[in-house]
C-alpha atoms as a PDB file:
ATOM      1  CA  UNK A   1     -37.400   2.523   9.633  1.00  0.00           C
ATOM      2  CA  UNK A   2     -39.990   1.777  12.277  1.00  0.00           C
ATOM      3  CA  UNK A   3     -40.999   4.483  14.750  1.00  0.00           C
ATOM      4  CA  UNK A   4     -40.082   2.415  17.818  1.00  0.00           C
ATOM      5  CA  UNK A   5     -36.570   1.892  16.407  1.00  0.00           C
ATOM      6  CA  UNK A   6     -36.123   5.628  15.852  1.00  0.00           C
ATOM      7  CA  UNK A   7     -37.178   6.325  19.446  1.00  0.00           C
ATOM      8  CA  UNK A   8     -34.847   3.676  20.866  1.00  0.00           C
ATOM      9  CA  UNK A   9     -31.838   4.722  18.770  1.00  0.00           C
ATOM     10  CA  UNK A  10     -32.152   8.440  19.445  1.00  0.00           C
ATOM     11  CA  UNK A  11     -33.221   8.199  23.105  1.00  0.00           C
ATOM     12  CA  UNK A  12     -36.160  10.395  22.111  1.00  0.00           C
ATOM     13  CA  UNK A  13     -39.546  11.252  23.587  1.00  0.00           C
ATOM     14  CA  UNK A  14     -42.693  10.817  21.494  1.00  0.00           C
ATOM     15  CA  UNK A  15     -44.982  13.665  22.522  1.00  0.00           C
ATOM     16  CA  UNK A  16     -48.156  12.503  20.777  1.00  0.00           C
ATOM     17  CA  UNK A  17     -49.929   9.345  19.601  1.00  0.00           C
ATOM     18  CA  UNK A  18     -49.532   9.394  15.818  1.00  0.00           C
ATOM     19  CA  UNK A  19     -51.230   7.244  13.210  1.00  0.00           C
ATOM     20  CA  UNK A  20     -47.926   6.570  11.428  1.00  0.00           C
ATOM     21  CA  UNK A  21     -45.530   3.869  12.623  1.00  0.00           C
ATOM     22  CA  UNK A  22     -42.685   3.859  10.075  1.00  0.00           C
ATOM     23  CA  UNK A  23     -40.689   6.130   7.782  1.00  0.00           C
ATOM     24  CA  UNK A  24     -39.320   5.742   4.263  1.00  0.00           C
ATOM     25  CA  UNK A  25     -36.274   7.984   4.559  1.00  0.00           C
ATOM     26  CA  UNK A  26     -34.572  10.508   6.827  1.00  0.00           C
ATOM     27  CA  UNK A  27     -34.044  14.056   5.514  1.00  0.00           C
ATOM     28  CA  UNK A  28     -33.292  17.504   6.920  1.00  0.00           C
ATOM     29  CA  UNK A  29     -34.130  19.789   3.997  1.00  0.00           C
ATOM     30  CA  UNK A  30     -37.833  20.519   3.649  1.00  0.00           C
ATOM     31  CA  UNK A  31     -37.614  21.011  -0.106  1.00  0.00           C
ATOM     32  CA  UNK A  32     -36.587  17.380  -0.668  1.00  0.00           C
ATOM     33  CA  UNK A  33     -39.091  15.816   1.732  1.00  0.00           C
ATOM     34  CA  UNK A  34     -41.316  13.180   0.145  1.00  0.00           C
ATOM     35  CA  UNK A  35     -44.373  11.384   1.448  1.00  0.00           C
ATOM     36  CA  UNK A  36     -43.379   9.075   4.312  1.00  0.00           C
ATOM     37  CA  UNK A  37     -40.097  10.798   5.243  1.00  0.00           C
ATOM     38  CA  UNK A  38     -38.845  11.606   8.738  1.00  0.00           C
ATOM     39  CA  UNK A  39     -37.784  15.261   8.885  1.00  0.00           C
ATOM     40  CA  UNK A  40     -34.956  16.389  11.174  1.00  0.00           C
ATOM     41  CA  UNK A  41     -35.734  20.026  11.972  1.00  0.00           C
ATOM     42  CA  UNK A  42     -32.295  21.649  12.102  1.00  0.00           C
ATOM     43  CA  UNK A  43     -34.254  24.693  10.923  1.00  0.00           C
ATOM     44  CA  UNK A  44     -37.590  24.732  12.726  1.00  0.00           C
ATOM     45  CA  UNK A  45     -38.887  27.349  10.260  1.00  0.00           C
ATOM     46  CA  UNK A  46     -39.042  24.586   7.642  1.00  0.00           C
ATOM     47  CA  UNK A  47     -41.317  22.280   9.647  1.00  0.00           C
ATOM     48  CA  UNK A  48     -44.571  23.414   8.044  1.00  0.00           C
ATOM     49  CA  UNK A  49     -43.066  23.089   4.584  1.00  0.00           C
ATOM     50  CA  UNK A  50     -41.851  19.570   5.417  1.00  0.00           C
ATOM     51  CA  UNK A  51     -45.326  18.578   6.600  1.00  0.00           C
ATOM     52  CA  UNK A  52     -46.876  20.049   3.447  1.00  0.00           C
ATOM     53  CA  UNK A  53     -44.467  17.944   1.349  1.00  0.00           C
ATOM     54  CA  UNK A  54     -45.535  14.756   3.114  1.00  0.00           C
ATOM     55  CA  UNK A  55     -43.356  14.266   6.186  1.00  0.00           C
ATOM     56  CA  UNK A  56     -44.620  11.469   8.465  1.00  0.00           C
ATOM     57  CA  UNK A  57     -42.553  12.599  11.441  1.00  0.00           C
ATOM     58  CA  UNK A  58     -40.619  15.555  12.858  1.00  0.00           C
ATOM     59  CA  UNK A  59     -37.531  15.282  15.048  1.00  0.00           C
ATOM     60  CA  UNK A  60     -36.887  18.516  16.955  1.00  0.00           C
ATOM     61  CA  UNK A  61     -34.827  19.796  19.885  1.00  0.00           C
ATOM     62  CA  UNK A  62     -36.324  23.292  20.331  1.00  0.00           C
ATOM     63  CA  UNK A  63     -39.874  24.286  21.339  1.00  0.00           C
ATOM     64  CA  UNK A  64     -42.238  23.868  18.384  1.00  0.00           C
ATOM     65  CA  UNK A  65     -45.965  24.210  17.731  1.00  0.00           C
ATOM     66  CA  UNK A  66     -47.449  20.772  16.947  1.00  0.00           C
ATOM     67  CA  UNK A  67     -49.666  21.432  13.922  1.00  0.00           C
ATOM     68  CA  UNK A  68     -50.586  17.927  12.710  1.00  0.00           C
ATOM     69  CA  UNK A  69     -51.404  15.292  15.322  1.00  0.00           C
ATOM     70  CA  UNK A  70     -51.468  12.416  12.820  1.00  0.00           C
ATOM     71  CA  UNK A  71     -47.710  12.496  12.229  1.00  0.00           C
ATOM     72  CA  UNK A  72     -45.019  11.672  14.817  1.00  0.00           C
ATOM     73  CA  UNK A  73     -43.555  14.501  16.863  1.00  0.00           C
ATOM     74  CA  UNK A  74     -40.245  13.294  18.315  1.00  0.00           C
ATOM     75  CA  UNK A  75     -38.315  15.377  20.830  1.00  0.00           C
ATOM     76  CA  UNK A  76     -34.564  14.868  21.317  1.00  0.00           C
ATOM     77  CA  UNK A  77     -31.862  16.664  23.290  1.00  0.00           C
ATOM     78  CA  UNK A  78     -29.745  17.252  20.168  1.00  0.00           C
ATOM     79  CA  UNK A  79     -30.751  16.801  16.540  1.00  0.00           C
ATOM     80  CA  UNK A  80     -27.119  16.378  15.462  1.00  0.00           C
ATOM     81  CA  UNK A  81     -26.612  13.635  18.049  1.00  0.00           C
ATOM     82  CA  UNK A  82     -29.841  11.963  16.908  1.00  0.00           C
ATOM     83  CA  UNK A  83     -28.646  12.046  13.309  1.00  0.00           C
ATOM     84  CA  UNK A  84     -25.339  10.450  14.305  1.00  0.00           C
ATOM     85  CA  UNK A  85     -27.131   7.651  16.126  1.00  0.00           C
ATOM     86  CA  UNK A  86     -29.444   6.952  13.197  1.00  0.00           C
ATOM     87  CA  UNK A  87     -26.596   7.004  10.689  1.00  0.00           C
ATOM     88  CA  UNK A  88     -24.449   4.733  12.865  1.00  0.00           C
ATOM     89  CA  UNK A  89     -27.264   2.168  12.925  1.00  0.00           C
ATOM     90  CA  UNK A  90     -27.694   2.513   9.163  1.00  0.00           C
ATOM     91  CA  UNK A  91     -24.003   1.814   8.506  1.00  0.00           C
ATOM     92  CA  UNK A  92     -24.124  -1.322  10.654  1.00  0.00           C
ATOM     93  CA  UNK A  93     -27.252  -2.394   8.795  1.00  0.00           C
ATOM     94  CA  UNK A  94     -25.433  -1.877   5.469  1.00  0.00           C
ATOM     95  CA  UNK A  95     -22.366  -3.846   6.701  1.00  0.00           C
ATOM     96  CA  UNK A  96     -20.059  -0.945   5.903  1.00  0.00           C
ATOM     97  CA  UNK A  97     -16.320  -1.237   6.629  1.00  0.00           C
ATOM     98  CA  UNK A  98     -14.569   1.877   7.951  1.00  0.00           C
ATOM     99  CA  UNK A  99     -10.867   2.803   7.849  1.00  0.00           C
ATOM    100  CA  UNK A 100      -9.289   5.675   9.753  1.00  0.00           C
ATOM    101  CA  UNK A 101      -6.417   7.696   8.283  1.00  0.00           C
ATOM    102  CA  UNK A 102      -4.563  10.961   8.859  1.00  0.00           C
ATOM    103  CA  UNK A 103      -5.183  14.309   7.162  1.00  0.00           C
ATOM    104  CA  UNK A 104      -2.583  13.845   4.444  1.00  0.00           C
ATOM    105  CA  UNK A 105      -3.798  10.424   3.341  1.00  0.00           C
ATOM    106  CA  UNK A 106      -7.366  11.669   3.244  1.00  0.00           C
ATOM    107  CA  UNK A 107      -6.453  14.654   1.062  1.00  0.00           C
ATOM    108  CA  UNK A 108      -4.313  12.507  -1.244  1.00  0.00           C
ATOM    109  CA  UNK A 109      -7.257  10.139  -1.640  1.00  0.00           C
ATOM    110  CA  UNK A 110      -9.243  12.988  -3.204  1.00  0.00           C
ATOM    111  CA  UNK A 111      -6.783  12.841  -6.112  1.00  0.00           C
ATOM    112  CA  UNK A 112      -7.647   9.222  -6.836  1.00  0.00           C
ATOM    113  CA  UNK A 113     -10.624   7.969  -8.821  1.00  0.00           C
ATOM    114  CA  UNK A 114     -12.030   4.759  -7.355  1.00  0.00           C
ATOM    115  CA  UNK A 115     -15.088   2.540  -7.565  1.00  0.00           C
ATOM    116  CA  UNK A 116     -18.376   3.898  -6.110  1.00  0.00           C
ATOM    117  CA  UNK A 117     -18.211   1.476  -3.179  1.00  0.00           C
ATOM    118  CA  UNK A 118     -15.067   3.212  -1.832  1.00  0.00           C
ATOM    119  CA  UNK A 119     -16.110   6.499  -0.270  1.00  0.00           C
ATOM    120  CA  UNK A 120     -13.870   9.228   1.140  1.00  0.00           C
ATOM    121  CA  UNK A 121     -15.568  11.302   3.845  1.00  0.00           C
ATOM    122  CA  UNK A 122     -14.511  14.926   4.082  1.00  0.00           C
ATOM    123  CA  UNK A 123     -17.699  16.863   4.868  1.00  0.00           C
ATOM    124  CA  UNK A 124     -19.886  17.716   7.832  1.00  0.00           C
ATOM    125  CA  UNK A 125     -22.424  15.351   9.366  1.00  0.00           C
ATOM    126  CA  UNK A 126     -25.309  16.539   7.192  1.00  0.00           C
ATOM    127  CA  UNK A 127     -23.435  16.116   3.903  1.00  0.00           C
ATOM    128  CA  UNK A 128     -22.137  12.730   5.068  1.00  0.00           C
ATOM    129  CA  UNK A 129     -25.660  11.615   5.943  1.00  0.00           C
ATOM    130  CA  UNK A 130     -26.928  12.518   2.465  1.00  0.00           C
ATOM    131  CA  UNK A 131     -24.078  10.561   0.953  1.00  0.00           C
ATOM    132  CA  UNK A 132     -24.337   7.472   3.131  1.00  0.00           C
ATOM    133  CA  UNK A 133     -27.998   6.914   3.929  1.00  0.00           C
ATOM    134  CA  UNK A 134     -28.513   4.929   0.726  1.00  0.00           C
ATOM    135  CA  UNK A 135     -24.942   3.700   0.428  1.00  0.00           C
ATOM    136  CA  UNK A 136     -24.276   0.458  -1.419  1.00  0.00           C
ATOM    137  CA  UNK A 137     -24.160  -2.544   0.898  1.00  0.00           C
ATOM    138  CA  UNK A 138     -20.677  -3.618   2.079  1.00  0.00           C
ATOM    139  CA  UNK A 139     -19.057  -0.387   0.931  1.00  0.00           C
ATOM    140  CA  UNK A 140     -15.745   0.822   2.363  1.00  0.00           C
ATOM    141  CA  UNK A 141     -15.349   4.234   3.993  1.00  0.00           C
ATOM    142  CA  UNK A 142     -12.181   6.245   4.591  1.00  0.00           C
ATOM    143  CA  UNK A 143     -12.294   9.052   7.140  1.00  0.00           C
ATOM    144  CA  UNK A 144     -10.035  11.305   9.183  1.00  0.00           C
ATOM    145  CA  UNK A 145     -11.016  12.301  12.755  1.00  0.00           C
ATOM    146  CA  UNK A 146      -9.982  15.889  11.980  1.00  0.00           C
ATOM    147  CA  UNK A 147     -12.918  16.178   9.567  1.00  0.00           C
ATOM    148  CA  UNK A 148     -15.396  13.533  10.681  1.00  0.00           C
ATOM    149  CA  UNK A 149     -16.400  12.384  14.165  1.00  0.00           C
ATOM    150  CA  UNK A 150     -15.211   8.894  15.155  1.00  0.00           C
ATOM    151  CA  UNK A 151     -18.438   8.218  17.027  1.00  0.00           C
ATOM    152  CA  UNK A 152     -20.263   7.769  13.726  1.00  0.00           C
ATOM    153  CA  UNK A 153     -18.689   4.343  13.430  1.00  0.00           C
ATOM    154  CA  UNK A 154     -18.781   1.199  15.550  1.00  0.00           C
ATOM    155  CA  UNK A 155     -15.863  -0.772  14.066  1.00  0.00           C
ATOM    156  CA  UNK A 156     -12.878   1.272  12.907  1.00  0.00           C
ATOM    157  CA  UNK A 157      -9.871  -0.293  11.198  1.00  0.00           C
ATOM    158  CA  UNK A 158      -6.425   1.228  10.706  1.00  0.00           C
ATOM    159  CA  UNK A 159      -4.244   1.322   7.606  1.00  0.00           C
ATOM    160  CA  UNK A 160      -1.097  -0.763   7.395  1.00  0.00           C
ATOM    161  CA  UNK A 161       2.000   1.373   7.952  1.00  0.00           C
ATOM    162  CA  UNK A 162       4.211  -1.212   6.198  1.00  0.00           C
ATOM    163  CA  UNK A 163       2.923  -1.551   2.622  1.00  0.00           C
ATOM    164  CA  UNK A 164       3.995  -4.690   0.791  1.00  0.00           C
ATOM    165  CA  UNK A 165       4.858  -2.743  -2.363  1.00  0.00           C
ATOM    166  CA  UNK A 166       6.864   0.478  -2.494  1.00  0.00           C
ATOM    167  CA  UNK A 167       6.639   3.423  -4.847  1.00  0.00           C
ATOM    168  CA  UNK A 168       9.719   3.542  -7.049  1.00  0.00           C
ATOM    169  CA  UNK A 169      10.777   7.186  -7.403  1.00  0.00           C
ATOM    170  CA  UNK A 170      12.413   7.758 -10.788  1.00  0.00           C
ATOM    171  CA  UNK A 171      13.026  11.494 -10.520  1.00  0.00           C
ATOM    172  CA  UNK A 172      12.308  14.061  -7.852  1.00  0.00           C
ATOM    173  CA  UNK A 173      12.628  17.640  -6.723  1.00  0.00           C
ATOM    174  CA  UNK A 174      11.493  18.935  -3.351  1.00  0.00           C
ATOM    175  CA  UNK A 175       7.982  19.478  -4.701  1.00  0.00           C
ATOM    176  CA  UNK A 176       7.568  17.165  -7.711  1.00  0.00           C
ATOM    177  CA  UNK A 177       7.917  13.427  -8.210  1.00  0.00           C
ATOM    178  CA  UNK A 178       8.003  11.026 -11.152  1.00  0.00           C
ATOM    179  CA  UNK A 179       7.439   7.476  -9.969  1.00  0.00           C
ATOM    180  CA  UNK A 180       6.473   3.935 -10.867  1.00  0.00           C
ATOM    181  CA  UNK A 181       3.870   1.963  -8.958  1.00  0.00           C
ATOM    182  CA  UNK A 182       2.388  -1.368  -9.964  1.00  0.00           C
ATOM    183  CA  UNK A 183       4.235  -1.132 -13.320  1.00  0.00           C
ATOM    184  CA  UNK A 184       2.611   2.214 -14.202  1.00  0.00           C
ATOM    185  CA  UNK A 185       4.741   5.322 -14.726  1.00  0.00           C
ATOM    186  CA  UNK A 186       3.426   8.599 -13.313  1.00  0.00           C
ATOM    187  CA  UNK A 187       5.409  11.509 -14.706  1.00  0.00           C
ATOM    188  CA  UNK A 188       6.029  14.840 -12.973  1.00  0.00           C
ATOM    189  CA  UNK A 189       3.316  14.647 -10.389  1.00  0.00           C
ATOM    190  CA  UNK A 190       2.875  17.778  -8.270  1.00  0.00           C
ATOM    191  CA  UNK A 191       3.612  15.630  -5.248  1.00  0.00           C
ATOM    192  CA  UNK A 192       6.532  16.196  -2.931  1.00  0.00           C
ATOM    193  CA  UNK A 193       8.573  13.101  -2.042  1.00  0.00           C
ATOM    194  CA  UNK A 194       7.604  14.020   1.514  1.00  0.00           C
ATOM    195  CA  UNK A 195       4.137  12.625   0.761  1.00  0.00           C
ATOM    196  CA  UNK A 196       5.237   9.375  -0.890  1.00  0.00           C
ATOM    197  CA  UNK A 197       5.073   7.209   2.285  1.00  0.00           C
ATOM    198  CA  UNK A 198       1.503   8.426   2.852  1.00  0.00           C
ATOM    199  CA  UNK A 199       0.556   7.612  -0.737  1.00  0.00           C
ATOM    200  CA  UNK A 200       2.048   4.124  -0.339  1.00  0.00           C
ATOM    201  CA  UNK A 201      -0.272   3.427   2.604  1.00  0.00           C
ATOM    202  CA  UNK A 202      -3.286   4.564   0.617  1.00  0.00           C
ATOM    203  CA  UNK A 203      -2.460   2.572  -2.516  1.00  0.00           C
ATOM    204  CA  UNK A 204      -1.711  -0.491  -0.403  1.00  0.00           C
ATOM    205  CA  UNK A 205      -5.196  -0.259   1.127  1.00  0.00           C
ATOM    206  CA  UNK A 206      -6.820  -0.064  -2.316  1.00  0.00           C
ATOM    207  CA  UNK A 207      -4.841  -3.059  -3.562  1.00  0.00           C
ATOM    208  CA  UNK A 208      -5.617  -5.082  -0.431  1.00  0.00           C
ATOM    209  CA  UNK A 209      -9.329  -4.396  -0.834  1.00  0.00           C
ATOM    210  CA  UNK A 210      -9.104  -5.133  -4.588  1.00  0.00           C
ATOM    211  CA  UNK A 211     -10.568  -1.736  -5.422  1.00  0.00           C
ATOM    212  CA  UNK A 212      -9.855  -0.485  -8.919  1.00  0.00           C
ATOM    213  CA  UNK A 213      -8.397   3.019  -8.981  1.00  0.00           C
ATOM    214  CA  UNK A 214      -6.860   5.615 -11.260  1.00  0.00           C
ATOM    215  CA  UNK A 215      -4.588   8.460 -10.190  1.00  0.00           C
ATOM    216  CA  UNK A 216      -5.541  11.907 -11.353  1.00  0.00           C
ATOM    217  CA  UNK A 217      -2.876  14.535 -11.923  1.00  0.00           C
ATOM    218  CA  UNK A 218      -2.079  15.536  -8.353  1.00  0.00           C
ATOM    219  CA  UNK A 219      -2.469  19.140  -7.256  1.00  0.00           C
ATOM    220  CA  UNK A 220      -0.930  20.666  -4.144  1.00  0.00           C
ATOM    221  CA  UNK A 221      -2.708  19.954  -0.906  1.00  0.00           C
ATOM    222  CA  UNK A 222      -2.664  22.387   2.006  1.00  0.00           C
ATOM    223  CA  UNK A 223       0.244  20.685   3.766  1.00  0.00           C
ATOM    224  CA  UNK A 224       3.896  21.381   2.972  1.00  0.00           C
ATOM    225  CA  UNK A 225       2.433  23.800   0.421  1.00  0.00           C
ATOM    226  CA  UNK A 226       5.097  25.489  -1.702  1.00  0.00           C
ATOM    227  CA  UNK A 227       4.622  29.026  -3.016  1.00  0.00           C
ATOM    228  CA  UNK A 228       7.317  30.518  -5.256  1.00  0.00           C
ATOM    229  CA  UNK A 229       7.634  34.268  -4.677  1.00  0.00           C
ATOM    230  CA  UNK A 230       9.798  37.275  -5.414  1.00  0.00           C
ATOM    231  CA  UNK A 231      11.232  39.545  -2.746  1.00  0.00           C
ATOM    232  CA  UNK A 232       7.920  41.403  -2.500  1.00  0.00           C
ATOM    233  CA  UNK A 233       6.128  38.127  -1.689  1.00  0.00           C
ATOM    234  CA  UNK A 234       4.192  38.170  -4.946  1.00  0.00           C
ATOM    235  CA  UNK A 235       3.336  34.651  -6.070  1.00  0.00           C
ATOM    236  CA  UNK A 236       5.246  33.506  -9.156  1.00  0.00           C
ATOM    237  CA  UNK A 237       4.805  30.563 -11.488  1.00  0.00           C
ATOM    238  CA  UNK A 238       5.686  27.202  -9.964  1.00  0.00           C
ATOM    239  CA  UNK A 239       9.440  26.610 -10.217  1.00  0.00           C
ATOM    240  CA  UNK A 240      10.254  30.094 -11.538  1.00  0.00           C
ATOM    241  CA  UNK A 241      11.815  31.615  -8.418  1.00  0.00           C
ATOM    242  CA  UNK A 242      14.638  30.785  -6.031  1.00  0.00           C
ATOM    243  CA  UNK A 243      12.583  31.910  -3.039  1.00  0.00           C
ATOM    244  CA  UNK A 244      10.026  29.411  -1.811  1.00  0.00           C
ATOM    245  CA  UNK A 245       7.641  29.808   1.106  1.00  0.00           C
ATOM    246  CA  UNK A 246       6.371  26.489   2.470  1.00  0.00           C
ATOM    247  CA  UNK A 247       3.186  26.691   4.529  1.00  0.00           C
ATOM    248  CA  UNK A 248       2.115  24.146   7.134  1.00  0.00           C
ATOM    249  CA  UNK A 249      -0.903  24.585   9.436  1.00  0.00           C
ATOM    250  CA  UNK A 250      -0.535  21.280  11.294  1.00  0.00           C
ATOM    251  CA  UNK A 251       2.048  21.604  14.066  1.00  0.00           C
ATOM    252  CA  UNK A 252       2.358  17.810  14.329  1.00  0.00           C
ATOM    253  CA  UNK A 253       4.035  17.692  10.902  1.00  0.00           C
ATOM    254  CA  UNK A 254       6.678  20.348  11.539  1.00  0.00           C
ATOM    255  CA  UNK A 255       9.392  18.038  12.895  1.00  0.00           C
ATOM    256  CA  UNK A 256       9.144  15.592  10.005  1.00  0.00           C
ATOM    257  CA  UNK A 257       9.098  18.445   7.482  1.00  0.00           C
ATOM    258  CA  UNK A 258      12.181  20.064   9.008  1.00  0.00           C
ATOM    259  CA  UNK A 259      13.991  16.722   8.893  1.00  0.00           C
ATOM    260  CA  UNK A 260      12.912  16.243   5.265  1.00  0.00           C
ATOM    261  CA  UNK A 261      14.255  19.658   4.266  1.00  0.00           C
ATOM    262  CA  UNK A 262      17.531  19.182   6.118  1.00  0.00           C
ATOM    263  CA  UNK A 263      18.066  15.834   4.410  1.00  0.00           C
ATOM    264  CA  UNK A 264      16.972  16.755   0.898  1.00  0.00           C
ATOM    265  CA  UNK A 265      17.993  20.417   0.665  1.00  0.00           C
ATOM    266  CA  UNK A 266      21.181  20.554   2.726  1.00  0.00           C
ATOM    267  CA  UNK A 267      22.717  22.802   0.050  1.00  0.00           C
ATOM    268  CA  UNK A 268      20.110  25.519   0.621  1.00  0.00           C
ATOM    269  CA  UNK A 269      19.614  28.359   3.068  1.00  0.00           C
ATOM    270  CA  UNK A 270      16.538  27.368   5.070  1.00  0.00           C
ATOM    271  CA  UNK A 271      14.735  29.225   7.830  1.00  0.00           C
ATOM    272  CA  UNK A 272      11.873  28.038  10.021  1.00  0.00           C
ATOM    273  CA  UNK A 273       9.219  30.493  11.169  1.00  0.00           C
ATOM    274  CA  UNK A 274       7.013  29.205  13.985  1.00  0.00           C
ATOM    275  CA  UNK A 275       4.351  30.602  16.332  1.00  0.00           C
ATOM    276  CA  UNK A 276       5.824  31.921  19.573  1.00  0.00           C
ATOM    277  CA  UNK A 277       4.045  29.114  21.441  1.00  0.00           C
ATOM    278  CA  UNK A 278       6.157  26.487  19.645  1.00  0.00           C
ATOM    279  CA  UNK A 279       9.539  28.163  20.049  1.00  0.00           C
ATOM    280  CA  UNK A 280      10.631  26.264  23.161  1.00  0.00           C
ATOM    281  CA  UNK A 281       9.775  22.915  21.556  1.00  0.00           C
ATOM    282  CA  UNK A 282      12.107  23.673  18.620  1.00  0.00           C
ATOM    283  CA  UNK A 283      14.839  25.483  20.528  1.00  0.00           C
ATOM    284  CA  UNK A 284      17.481  22.885  19.579  1.00  0.00           C
ATOM    285  CA  UNK A 285      17.092  23.582  15.845  1.00  0.00           C
ATOM    286  CA  UNK A 286      19.100  26.222  13.993  1.00  0.00           C
ATOM    287  CA  UNK A 287      17.571  29.113  12.022  1.00  0.00           C
ATOM    288  CA  UNK A 288      14.294  29.040  13.950  1.00  0.00           C
ATOM    289  CA  UNK A 289      12.366  32.303  14.330  1.00  0.00           C
ATOM    290  CA  UNK A 290       9.174  33.003  16.225  1.00  0.00           C
ATOM    291  CA  UNK A 291       6.233  35.258  15.449  1.00  0.00           C
ATOM    292  CA  UNK A 292       3.301  36.596  17.420  1.00  0.00           C
ATOM    293  CA  UNK A 293       1.446  38.317  14.583  1.00  0.00           C
ATOM    294  CA  UNK A 294       1.418  38.084  10.792  1.00  0.00           C
ATOM    295  CA  UNK A 295       3.567  41.189  10.296  1.00  0.00           C
ATOM    296  CA  UNK A 296       6.337  39.491  12.289  1.00  0.00           C
ATOM    297  CA  UNK A 297       6.496  36.807   9.578  1.00  0.00           C
ATOM    298  CA  UNK A 298       7.130  39.373   6.848  1.00  0.00           C
ATOM    299  CA  UNK A 299       9.726  41.141   8.987  1.00  0.00           C
ATOM    300  CA  UNK A 300      11.604  37.853   9.457  1.00  0.00           C
ATOM    301  CA  UNK A 301      11.434  37.079   5.750  1.00  0.00           C
ATOM    302  CA  UNK A 302      12.711  40.537   4.812  1.00  0.00           C
ATOM    303  CA  UNK A 303      15.689  40.455   7.173  1.00  0.00           C
ATOM    304  CA  UNK A 304      16.953  36.929   6.477  1.00  0.00           C
ATOM    305  CA  UNK A 305      18.580  35.322   3.459  1.00  0.00           C
ATOM    306  CA  UNK A 306      16.889  32.066   2.428  1.00  0.00           C
ATOM    307  CA  UNK A 307      15.985  29.737  -0.406  1.00  0.00           C
ATOM    308  CA  UNK A 308      13.234  27.999   1.554  1.00  0.00           C
ATOM    309  CA  UNK A 309      11.190  29.315   4.473  1.00  0.00           C
ATOM    310  CA  UNK A 310       8.985  26.831   6.298  1.00  0.00           C
ATOM    311  CA  UNK A 311       6.164  28.829   7.900  1.00  0.00           C
ATOM    312  CA  UNK A 312       4.013  27.061  10.474  1.00  0.00           C
ATOM    313  CA  UNK A 313       0.553  27.871  11.754  1.00  0.00           C
ATOM    314  CA  UNK A 314      -0.719  29.944   8.802  1.00  0.00           C
ATOM    315  CA  UNK A 315      -1.563  29.357   5.150  1.00  0.00           C
ATOM    316  CA  UNK A 316      -0.670  31.171   1.940  1.00  0.00           C
ATOM    317  CA  UNK A 317      -3.604  33.571   2.290  1.00  0.00           C
ATOM    318  CA  UNK A 318      -1.321  35.799   4.390  1.00  0.00           C
ATOM    319  CA  UNK A 319       0.452  36.794   1.171  1.00  0.00           C
ATOM    320  CA  UNK A 320      -2.513  38.954   0.230  1.00  0.00           C
ATOM    321  CA  UNK A 321      -1.629  41.179   3.184  1.00  0.00           C
ATOM    322  CA  UNK A 322       1.853  41.774   1.835  1.00  0.00           C
ATOM    323  CA  UNK A 323       0.553  42.529  -1.644  1.00  0.00           C
ATOM    324  CA  UNK A 324      -1.929  45.165  -0.426  1.00  0.00           C
ATOM    325  CA  UNK A 325       0.668  47.004   1.652  1.00  0.00           C
ATOM    326  CA  UNK A 326       2.257  50.130   0.067  1.00  0.00           C
ATOM    327  CA  UNK A 327       5.664  49.462  -1.474  1.00  0.00           C
ATOM    328  CA  UNK A 328       8.238  51.119  -3.664  1.00  0.00           C
ATOM    329  CA  UNK A 329       8.501  50.353  -7.366  1.00  0.00           C
ATOM    330  CA  UNK A 330      10.945  47.568  -8.181  1.00  0.00           C
ATOM    331  CA  UNK A 331      12.411  45.885 -11.240  1.00  0.00           C
ATOM    332  CA  UNK A 332      12.182  42.457  -9.563  1.00  0.00           C
ATOM    333  CA  UNK A 333      10.045  39.914 -11.404  1.00  0.00           C
END
């Protein structure tokens, strides 16, 4: 990339008159710098090492000591913003197509093996830059705004919410599904039927783009996450207990998950444990309890009969608190 293009794209100030006028690559780890690279100094302590390794230019946003006047010293307001601008230009140059999806679809996509030209983005800007700077031309990207900034991309497409082909569920429990899709039988996937509409959208995208794929054996994602426990909240083997705690951190999914449970487990005793801040929003539902602190959750669980408890706003890591608390010996297992 030519120096004048870097300056224009990043709205930067060139503070010297270097001999170099172009760069081979853009990197931000001094140890991988090669001759001709442009170094983004997220860590200014690595600048000298980057120069020693052959950097032709330094992008910086904090005061630095200019030690080599032959290379380009480029000052920007924000290195992260500069990196976004450079990467955005690179993706346009590579004619990359970008699709936006929600959290669940993105996490389901990590359970699918696809061709190298279909890339799922689920890291920070630096990891994404490493992955995409030399991306294959005309690749397809899938991202979720919860994990990756939308302003990296210039043309964002959305997934179809009405897939042409449906998943045929052969057998299901609340947390497992056996299904047929595209004449292939997938047996006892650790995938709740709650997620099937999301999976349909994802598979429809892959078929539309004619991208070959293969489903791995699904594992639980951190939404509608079921943990089988005993009365002391010790985690038991999947399916081995009649007490199930279901964790959901995303408040936007709570309504649909409550409706799913009421429809598919109407035989069961179900309670819903929500942060105090959400109580008013769910005041029309039965068996709703509110908590302010983690201990309130355990108190609610101990004093109520249930088969399923949907717990919003926390994840299963809270169970470690219950297990470290003193308790009496019990024969429960």
